[in-house]
PDB file of N, CA and C in Angstrom:
ATOM      1  N   MET A   1      99.223 106.952  81.404  1.00  0.00           N
ATOM      2  CA  MET A   1      99.033 106.701  82.830  1.00  0.00           C
ATOM      3  C   MET A   1      97.581 106.304  83.080  1.00  0.00           C
ATOM      4  N   LYS A   2      97.405 105.299  83.886  1.00  0.00           N
ATOM      5  CA  LYS A   2      96.068 104.874  84.288  1.00  0.00           C
ATOM      6  C   LYS A   2      95.616 105.729  85.462  1.00  0.00           C
ATOM      7  N   GLN A   3      94.345 106.084  85.446  1.00  0.00           N
ATOM      8  CA  GLN A   3      93.776 106.875  86.530  1.00  0.00           C
ATOM      9  C   GLN A   3      92.624 106.088  87.143  1.00  0.00           C
ATOM     10  N   VAL A   4      92.577 106.088  88.477  1.00  0.00           N
ATOM     11  CA  VAL A   4      91.503 105.410  89.193  1.00  0.00           C
ATOM     12  C   VAL A   4      90.814 106.419  90.089  1.00  0.00           C
ATOM     13  N   TYR A   5      89.498 106.554  89.925  1.00  0.00           N
ATOM     14  CA  TYR A   5      88.707 107.348  90.850  1.00  0.00           C
ATOM     15  C   TYR A   5      88.335 106.442  92.018  1.00  0.00           C
ATOM     16  N   TYR A   6      88.743 106.847  93.204  1.00  0.00           N
ATOM     17  CA  TYR A   6      88.455 106.095  94.432  1.00  0.00           C
ATOM     18  C   TYR A   6      87.424 106.890  95.213  1.00  0.00           C
ATOM     19  N   PHE A   7      86.163 106.449  95.163  1.00  0.00           N
ATOM     20  CA  PHE A   7      85.065 107.131  95.842  1.00  0.00           C
ATOM     21  C   PHE A   7      84.991 106.619  97.279  1.00  0.00           C
ATOM     22  N   THR A   8      85.001 107.552  98.224  1.00  0.00           N
ATOM     23  CA  THR A   8      85.112 107.227  99.634  1.00  0.00           C
ATOM     24  C   THR A   8      84.377 108.267 100.472  1.00  0.00           C
ATOM     25  N   ALA A   9      84.392 108.106 101.793  1.00  0.00           N
ATOM     26  CA  ALA A   9      83.857 109.096 102.740  1.00  0.00           C
ATOM     27  C   ALA A   9      84.544 108.882 104.084  1.00  0.00           C
ATOM     28  N   ASP A  10      84.642 109.952 104.854  1.00  0.00           N
ATOM     29  CA  ASP A  10      85.304 109.880 106.164  1.00  0.00           C
ATOM     30  C   ASP A  10      84.625 108.901 107.112  1.00  0.00           C
ATOM     31  N   TRP A  11      83.316 108.747 107.009  1.00  0.00           N
ATOM     32  CA  TRP A  11      82.557 107.910 107.936  1.00  0.00           C
ATOM     33  C   TRP A  11      82.507 106.428 107.529  1.00  0.00           C
ATOM     34  N   CYS A  12      83.092 106.100 106.397  1.00  0.00           N
ATOM     35  CA  CYS A  12      83.004 104.744 105.827  1.00  0.00           C
ATOM     36  C   CYS A  12      84.110 103.841 106.379  1.00  0.00           C
ATOM     37  N   GLY A  13      83.731 102.846 107.179  1.00  0.00           N
ATOM     38  CA  GLY A  13      84.692 101.911 107.761  1.00  0.00           C
ATOM     39  C   GLY A  13      85.479 101.118 106.727  1.00  0.00           C
ATOM     40  N   PRO A  14      84.811 100.474 105.756  1.00  0.00           N
ATOM     41  CA  PRO A  14      85.549  99.745 104.730  1.00  0.00           C
ATOM     42  C   PRO A  14      86.499 100.646 103.929  1.00  0.00           C
ATOM     43  N   CYS A  15      86.097 101.899 103.727  1.00  0.00           N
ATOM     44  CA  CYS A  15      86.962 102.847 103.007  1.00  0.00           C
ATOM     45  C   CYS A  15      88.256 103.091 103.786  1.00  0.00           C
ATOM     46  N   LYS A  16      88.120 103.223 105.091  1.00  0.00           N
ATOM     47  CA  LYS A  16      89.307 103.441 105.935  1.00  0.00           C
ATOM     48  C   LYS A  16      90.233 102.238 105.892  1.00  0.00           C
ATOM     49  N   LYS A  17      89.648 101.051 105.790  1.00  0.00           N
ATOM     50  CA  LYS A  17      90.439  99.819 105.729  1.00  0.00           C
ATOM     51  C   LYS A  17      91.242  99.747 104.430  1.00  0.00           C
ATOM     52  N   VAL A  18      90.661 100.207 103.335  1.00  0.00           N
ATOM     53  CA  VAL A  18      91.275 100.111 102.015  1.00  0.00           C
ATOM     54  C   VAL A  18      92.260 101.250 101.731  1.00  0.00           C
ATOM     55  N   ARG A  19      92.089 102.370 102.381  1.00  0.00           N
ATOM     56  CA  ARG A  19      92.906 103.553 102.054  1.00  0.00           C
ATOM     57  C   ARG A  19      94.415 103.290 102.098  1.00  0.00           C
ATOM     58  N   PRO A  20      94.955 102.584 103.100  1.00  0.00           N
ATOM     59  CA  PRO A  20      96.397 102.321 103.081  1.00  0.00           C
ATOM     60  C   PRO A  20      96.845 101.511 101.857  1.00  0.00           C
ATOM     61  N   ILE A  21      95.991 100.633 101.378  1.00  0.00           N
ATOM     62  CA  ILE A  21      96.307  99.856 100.177  1.00  0.00           C
ATOM     63  C   ILE A  21      96.383 100.788  98.970  1.00  0.00           C
ATOM     64  N   VAL A  22      95.417 101.698  98.870  1.00  0.00           N
ATOM     65  CA  VAL A  22      95.399 102.684  97.782  1.00  0.00           C
ATOM     66  C   VAL A  22      96.662 103.533  97.831  1.00  0.00           C
ATOM     67  N   GLU A  23      97.025 103.999  99.012  1.00  0.00           N
ATOM     68  CA  GLU A  23      98.221 104.833  99.154  1.00  0.00           C
ATOM     69  C   GLU A  23      99.485 104.062  98.780  1.00  0.00           C
ATOM     70  N   ASP A  24      99.548 102.781  99.133  1.00  0.00           N
ATOM     71  CA  ASP A  24     100.698 101.950  98.774  1.00  0.00           C
ATOM     72  C   ASP A  24     100.812 101.790  97.250  1.00  0.00           C
ATOM     73  N   ILE A  25      99.694 101.499  96.603  1.00  0.00           N
ATOM     74  CA  ILE A  25      99.720 101.334  95.145  1.00  0.00           C
ATOM     75  C   ILE A  25     100.110 102.651  94.481  1.00  0.00           C
ATOM     76  N   ASN A  26      99.567 103.763  94.975  1.00  0.00           N
ATOM     77  CA  ASN A  26      99.923 105.082  94.444  1.00  0.00           C
ATOM     78  C   ASN A  26     101.428 105.298  94.518  1.00  0.00           C
ATOM     79  N   ARG A  27     102.014 104.875  95.608  1.00  0.00           N
ATOM     80  CA  ARG A  27     103.451 105.062  95.824  1.00  0.00           C
ATOM     81  C   ARG A  27     104.278 104.077  94.991  1.00  0.00           C
ATOM     82  N   ASP A  28     103.793 102.845  94.864  1.00  0.00           N
ATOM     83  CA  ASP A  28     104.577 101.778  94.240  1.00  0.00           C
ATOM     84  C   ASP A  28     104.526 101.760  92.712  1.00  0.00           C
ATOM     85  N   LEU A  29     103.446 102.212  92.120  1.00  0.00           N
ATOM     86  CA  LEU A  29     103.278 102.131  90.668  1.00  0.00           C
ATOM     87  C   LEU A  29     103.290 103.520  90.035  1.00  0.00           C
ATOM     88  N   ALA A  30     104.297 103.767  89.229  1.00  0.00           N
ATOM     89  CA  ALA A  30     104.447 105.086  88.609  1.00  0.00           C
ATOM     90  C   ALA A  30     103.403 105.351  87.528  1.00  0.00           C
ATOM     91  N   ASP A  31     102.850 104.282  86.943  1.00  0.00           N
ATOM     92  CA  ASP A  31     101.912 104.464  85.831  1.00  0.00           C
ATOM     93  C   ASP A  31     100.452 104.458  86.260  1.00  0.00           C
ATOM     94  N   VAL A  32     100.200 104.538  87.582  1.00  0.00           N
ATOM     95  CA  VAL A  32      98.834 104.543  88.113  1.00  0.00           C
ATOM     96  C   VAL A  32      98.690 105.701  89.093  1.00  0.00           C
ATOM     97  N   LYS A  33      97.566 106.406  88.980  1.00  0.00           N
ATOM     98  CA  LYS A  33      97.271 107.492  89.918  1.00  0.00           C
ATOM     99  C   LYS A  33      95.850 107.331  90.431  1.00  0.00           C
ATOM    100  N   PHE A  34      95.719 107.099  91.744  1.00  0.00           N
ATOM    101  CA  PHE A  34      94.401 107.060  92.372  1.00  0.00           C
ATOM    102  C   PHE A  34      94.014 108.480  92.762  1.00  0.00           C
ATOM    103  N   GLN A  35      92.840 108.897  92.361  1.00  0.00           N
ATOM    104  CA  GLN A  35      92.299 110.187  92.769  1.00  0.00           C
ATOM    105  C   GLN A  35      91.236 109.905  93.823  1.00  0.00           C
ATOM    106  N   ILE A  36      91.464 110.380  95.038  1.00  0.00           N
ATOM    107  CA  ILE A  36      90.554 110.122  96.152  1.00  0.00           C
ATOM    108  C   ILE A  36      89.432 111.151  96.111  1.00  0.00           C
ATOM    109  N   ILE A  37      88.193 110.665  96.040  1.00  0.00           N
ATOM    110  CA  ILE A  37      87.027 111.530  95.907  1.00  0.00           C
ATOM    111  C   ILE A  37      86.076 111.260  97.065  1.00  0.00           C
ATOM    112  N   ASP A  38      85.877 112.257  97.901  1.00  0.00           N
ATOM    113  CA  ASP A  38      84.948 112.176  99.027  1.00  0.00           C
ATOM    114  C   ASP A  38      83.538 112.432  98.503  1.00  0.00           C
ATOM    115  N   VAL A  39      82.668 111.439  98.598  1.00  0.00           N
ATOM    116  CA  VAL A  39      81.317 111.569  98.041  1.00  0.00           C
ATOM    117  C   VAL A  39      80.502 112.647  98.751  1.00  0.00           C
ATOM    118  N   ASP A  40      80.824 112.939 100.000  1.00  0.00           N
ATOM    119  CA  ASP A  40      80.104 113.997 100.708  1.00  0.00           C
ATOM    120  C   ASP A  40      80.483 115.382 100.183  1.00  0.00           C
ATOM    121  N   LEU A  41      81.700 115.533  99.707  1.00  0.00           N
ATOM    122  CA  LEU A  41      82.165 116.817  99.178  1.00  0.00           C
ATOM    123  C   LEU A  41      81.981 116.921  97.666  1.00  0.00           C
ATOM    124  N   GLU A  42      81.974 115.795  96.982  1.00  0.00           N
ATOM    125  CA  GLU A  42      81.893 115.749  95.519  1.00  0.00           C
ATOM    126  C   GLU A  42      80.695 114.910  95.069  1.00  0.00           C
ATOM    127  N   GLY A  43      79.536 115.198  95.638  1.00  0.00           N
ATOM    128  CA  GLY A  43      78.331 114.421  95.352  1.00  0.00           C
ATOM    129  C   GLY A  43      77.930 114.419  93.888  1.00  0.00           C
ATOM    130  N   GLU A  44      78.037 115.553  93.227  1.00  0.00           N
ATOM    131  CA  GLU A  44      77.665 115.632  91.812  1.00  0.00           C
ATOM    132  C   GLU A  44      78.580 114.752  90.959  1.00  0.00           C
ATOM    133  N   PHE A  45      79.871 114.758  91.280  1.00  0.00           N
ATOM    134  CA  PHE A  45      80.825 113.920  90.554  1.00  0.00           C
ATOM    135  C   PHE A  45      80.489 112.441  90.759  1.00  0.00           C
ATOM    136  N   ALA A  46      80.153 112.075  91.990  1.00  0.00           N
ATOM    137  CA  ALA A  46      79.772 110.687  92.294  1.00  0.00           C
ATOM    138  C   ALA A  46      78.505 110.300  91.536  1.00  0.00           C
ATOM    139  N   ARG A  47      77.537 111.195  91.459  1.00  0.00           N
ATOM    140  CA  ARG A  47      76.303 110.918  90.717  1.00  0.00           C
ATOM    141  C   ARG A  47      76.579 110.748  89.221  1.00  0.00           C
ATOM    142  N   ARG A  48      77.503 111.536  88.702  1.00  0.00           N
ATOM    143  CA  ARG A  48      77.863 111.435  87.282  1.00  0.00           C
ATOM    144  C   ARG A  48      78.333 110.019  86.943  1.00  0.00           C
ATOM    145  N   PHE A  49      79.023 109.386  87.885  1.00  0.00           N
ATOM    146  CA  PHE A  49      79.533 108.032  87.675  1.00  0.00           C
ATOM    147  C   PHE A  49      78.615 106.962  88.269  1.00  0.00           C
ATOM    148  N   GLU A  50      77.428 107.384  88.679  1.00  0.00           N
ATOM    149  CA  GLU A  50      76.417 106.468  89.207  1.00  0.00           C
ATOM    150  C   GLU A  50      76.962 105.608  90.346  1.00  0.00           C
ATOM    151  N   VAL A  51      77.693 106.239  91.252  1.00  0.00           N
ATOM    152  CA  VAL A  51      78.229 105.541  92.420  1.00  0.00           C
ATOM    153  C   VAL A  51      77.089 105.345  93.402  1.00  0.00           C
ATOM    154  N   LYS A  52      76.788 104.094  93.703  1.00  0.00           N
ATOM    155  CA  LYS A  52      75.670 103.752  94.583  1.00  0.00           C
ATOM    156  C   LYS A  52      76.126 103.341  95.976  1.00  0.00           C
ATOM    157  N   SER A  53      77.365 102.870  96.093  1.00  0.00           N
ATOM    158  CA  SER A  53      77.900 102.493  97.395  1.00  0.00           C
ATOM    159  C   SER A  53      79.411 102.733  97.385  1.00  0.00           C
ATOM    160  N   ILE A  54      79.961 102.790  98.576  1.00  0.00           N
ATOM    161  CA  ILE A  54      81.389 103.052  98.699  1.00  0.00           C
ATOM    162  C   ILE A  54      82.021 102.013  99.613  1.00  0.00           C
ATOM    163  N   PRO A  55      83.293 101.759  99.416  1.00  0.00           N
ATOM    164  CA  PRO A  55      84.166 102.338  98.398  1.00  0.00           C
ATOM    165  C   PRO A  55      83.853 101.801  97.004  1.00  0.00           C
ATOM    166  N   THR A  56      84.063 102.670  96.016  1.00  0.00           N
ATOM    167  CA  THR A  56      83.964 102.293  94.612  1.00  0.00           C
ATOM    168  C   THR A  56      85.232 102.758  93.918  1.00  0.00           C
ATOM    169  N   PHE A  57      85.760 101.902  93.065  1.00  0.00           N
ATOM    170  CA  PHE A  57      86.965 102.190  92.303  1.00  0.00           C
ATOM    171  C   PHE A  57      86.603 102.145  90.827  1.00  0.00           C
ATOM    172  N   ILE A  58      86.912 103.221  90.096  1.00  0.00           N
ATOM    173  CA  ILE A  58      86.628 103.273  88.664  1.00  0.00           C
ATOM    174  C   ILE A  58      87.924 103.566  87.925  1.00  0.00           C
ATOM    175  N   LEU A  59      88.329 102.626  87.087  1.00  0.00           N
ATOM    176  CA  LEU A  59      89.530 102.778  86.274  1.00  0.00           C
ATOM    177  C   LEU A  59      89.167 103.542  85.005  1.00  0.00           C
ATOM    178  N   ILE A  60      89.902 104.623  84.737  1.00  0.00           N
ATOM    179  CA  ILE A  60      89.700 105.439  83.544  1.00  0.00           C
ATOM    180  C   ILE A  60      90.921 105.279  82.650  1.00  0.00           C
ATOM    181  N   GLU A  61      90.682 104.872  81.411  1.00  0.00           N
ATOM    182  CA  GLU A  61      91.752 104.771  80.417  1.00  0.00           C
ATOM    183  C   GLU A  61      91.293 105.449  79.136  1.00  0.00           C
ATOM    184  N   ASP A  62      92.120 106.334  78.607  1.00  0.00           N
ATOM    185  CA  ASP A  62      91.789 107.055  77.378  1.00  0.00           C
ATOM    186  C   ASP A  62      90.443 107.758  77.478  1.00  0.00           C
ATOM    187  N   GLY A  63      90.128 108.279  78.675  1.00  0.00           N
ATOM    188  CA  GLY A  63      88.912 109.050  78.870  1.00  0.00           C
ATOM    189  C   GLY A  63      87.632 108.251  79.027  1.00  0.00           C
ATOM    190  N   VAL A  64      87.749 106.926  79.090  1.00  0.00           N
ATOM    191  CA  VAL A  64      86.554 106.099  79.242  1.00  0.00           C
ATOM    192  C   VAL A  64      86.703 105.165  80.438  1.00  0.00           C
ATOM    193  N   GLU A  65      85.570 104.781  81.001  1.00  0.00           N
ATOM    194  CA  GLU A  65      85.580 103.823  82.104  1.00  0.00           C
ATOM    195  C   GLU A  65      85.968 102.455  81.567  1.00  0.00           C
ATOM    196  N   ALA A  66      87.064 101.917  82.108  1.00  0.00           N
ATOM    197  CA  ALA A  66      87.570 100.624  81.640  1.00  0.00           C
ATOM    198  C   ALA A  66      87.247  99.499  82.605  1.00  0.00           C
ATOM    199  N   ASN A  67      87.006  99.836  83.869  1.00  0.00           N
ATOM    200  CA  ASN A  67      86.746  98.804  84.863  1.00  0.00           C
ATOM    201  C   ASN A  67      86.192  99.463  86.116  1.00  0.00           C
ATOM    202  N   ARG A  68      85.487  98.668  86.928  1.00  0.00           N
ATOM    203  CA  ARG A  68      84.889  99.176  88.156  1.00  0.00           C
ATOM    204  C   ARG A  68      84.826  98.059  89.181  1.00  0.00           C
ATOM    205  N   LEU A  69      85.156  98.417  90.423  1.00  0.00           N
ATOM    206  CA  LEU A  69      85.002  97.516  91.568  1.00  0.00           C
ATOM    207  C   LEU A  69      84.277  98.269  92.672  1.00  0.00           C
ATOM    208  N   THR A  70      83.415  97.576  93.383  1.00  0.00           N
ATOM    209  CA  THR A  70      82.711  98.173  94.513  1.00  0.00           C
ATOM    210  C   THR A  70      82.956  97.328  95.747  1.00  0.00           C
ATOM    211  N   GLY A  71      83.130  98.003  96.876  1.00  0.00           N
ATOM    212  CA  GLY A  71      83.368  97.323  98.142  1.00  0.00           C
ATOM    213  C   GLY A  71      84.844  97.313  98.496  1.00  0.00           C
ATOM    214  N   ALA A  72      85.126  96.932  99.731  1.00  0.00           N
ATOM    215  CA  ALA A  72      86.509  96.852 100.198  1.00  0.00           C
ATOM    216  C   ALA A  72      87.247  95.799  99.377  1.00  0.00           C
ATOM    217  N   GLN A  73      88.411  96.155  98.890  1.00  0.00           N
ATOM    218  CA  GLN A  73      89.175  95.274  98.010  1.00  0.00           C
ATOM    219  C   GLN A  73      90.571  95.026  98.582  1.00  0.00           C
ATOM    220  N   THR A  74      91.125  93.886  98.227  1.00  0.00           N
ATOM    221  CA  THR A  74      92.510  93.594  98.586  1.00  0.00           C
ATOM    222  C   THR A  74      93.440  94.250  97.569  1.00  0.00           C
ATOM    223  N   ARG A  75      94.699  94.327  97.915  1.00  0.00           N
ATOM    224  CA  ARG A  75      95.701  94.834  96.969  1.00  0.00           C
ATOM    225  C   ARG A  75      95.674  94.003  95.685  1.00  0.00           C
ATOM    226  N   GLU A  76      95.564  92.698  95.840  1.00  0.00           N
ATOM    227  CA  GLU A  76      95.569  91.804  94.682  1.00  0.00           C
ATOM    228  C   GLU A  76      94.390  92.094  93.746  1.00  0.00           C
ATOM    229  N   LYS A  77      93.216  92.307  94.311  1.00  0.00           N
ATOM    230  CA  LYS A  77      92.031  92.591  93.488  1.00  0.00           C
ATOM    231  C   LYS A  77      92.173  93.928  92.757  1.00  0.00           C
ATOM    232  N   LEU A  78      92.731  94.930  93.449  1.00  0.00           N
ATOM    233  CA  LEU A  78      92.925  96.228  92.795  1.00  0.00           C
ATOM    234  C   LEU A  78      93.942  96.116  91.667  1.00  0.00           C
ATOM    235  N   LEU A  79      95.017  95.380  91.893  1.00  0.00           N
ATOM    236  CA  LEU A  79      96.018  95.194  90.841  1.00  0.00           C
ATOM    237  C   LEU A  79      95.429  94.411  89.671  1.00  0.00           C
ATOM    238  N   GLU A  80      94.588  93.434  89.962  1.00  0.00           N
ATOM    239  CA  GLU A  80      93.913  92.673  88.911  1.00  0.00           C
ATOM    240  C   GLU A  80      93.013  93.589  88.085  1.00  0.00           C
ATOM    241  N   MET A  81      92.291  94.496  88.753  1.00  0.00           N
ATOM    242  CA  MET A  81      91.444  95.455  88.049  1.00  0.00           C
ATOM    243  C   MET A  81      92.285  96.319  87.102  1.00  0.00           C
ATOM    244  N   LEU A  82      93.450  96.731  87.561  1.00  0.00           N
ATOM    245  CA  LEU A  82      94.308  97.597  86.758  1.00  0.00           C
ATOM    246  C   LEU A  82      94.838  96.887  85.518  1.00  0.00           C
ATOM    247  N   ASN A  83      94.950  95.581  85.575  1.00  0.00           N
ATOM    248  CA  ASN A  83      95.543  94.822  84.478  1.00  0.00           C
ATOM    249  C   ASN A  83      94.535  94.058  83.644  1.00  0.00           C
ATOM    250  N   ASP A  84      93.249  94.146  83.968  1.00  0.00           N
ATOM    251  CA  ASP A  84      92.213  93.406  83.265  1.00  0.00           C
ATOM    252  C   ASP A  84      91.781  94.164  82.009  1.00  0.00           C
ATOM    253  N   GLU A  85      92.082  93.614  80.864  1.00  0.00           N
ATOM    254  CA  GLU A  85      91.746  94.269  79.604  1.00  0.00           C
ATOM    255  C   GLU A  85      90.459  93.697  78.997  1.00  0.00           C
ATOM    256  N   LYS A  86      89.793  92.774  79.682  1.00  0.00           N
ATOM    257  CA  LYS A  86      88.637  92.086  79.103  1.00  0.00           C
ATOM    258  C   LYS A  86      87.332  92.858  79.243  1.00  0.00           C
ATOM    259  N   ASN A  87      87.272  93.814  80.144  1.00  0.00           N
ATOM    260  CA  ASN A  87      86.010  94.506  80.390  1.00  0.00           C
ATOM    261  C   ASN A  87      85.704  95.522  79.282  1.00  0.00           C
ATOM    262  N   PRO A  88      84.442  95.618  78.891  1.00  0.00           N
ATOM    263  CA  PRO A  88      84.080  96.615  77.884  1.00  0.00           C
ATOM    264  C   PRO A  88      84.245  98.026  78.450  1.00  0.00           C
ATOM    265  N   LYS A  89      84.627  98.944  77.598  1.00  0.00           N
ATOM    266  CA  LYS A  89      84.824 100.327  78.028  1.00  0.00           C
ATOM    267  C   LYS A  89      83.525 101.097  77.859  1.00  0.00           C
ATOM    268  N   LYS A  90      83.292 102.019  78.782  1.00  0.00           N
ATOM    269  CA  LYS A  90      82.077 102.823  78.772  1.00  0.00           C
ATOM    270  C   LYS A  90      82.478 104.289  78.774  1.00  0.00           C
ATOM    271  N   ASN A  91      81.918 105.082  77.881  1.00  0.00           N
ATOM    272  CA  ASN A  91      82.249 106.504  77.843  1.00  0.00           C
ATOM    273  C   ASN A  91      81.845 107.197  79.121  1.00  0.00           C
ATOM    274  N   VAL A  92      82.694 108.125  79.567  1.00  0.00           N
ATOM    275  CA  VAL A  92      82.407 108.894  80.783  1.00  0.00           C
ATOM    276  C   VAL A  92      82.115 110.330  80.429  1.00  0.00           C
TER     277      VAL A  92
END
């Protein structure tokens, strides 16, 4: 199963715009799980992944960072991130 860390905050307008897309993908794809992480509540976790702006999406495969997107994304861009095997993996 692919796991995506979705870094967000309640006060973030672009995050609110993207959240329904994240929820739809979570519901539609059985092999993907988005974990919603509020940077205000999980600041240390966000720092561990060097999250500088939100929303940020980090794809984790086999325990390593496989892909990352920052900013409000379309459903198509998120699905492309999930299927892109060209990016180098980084240990987390």
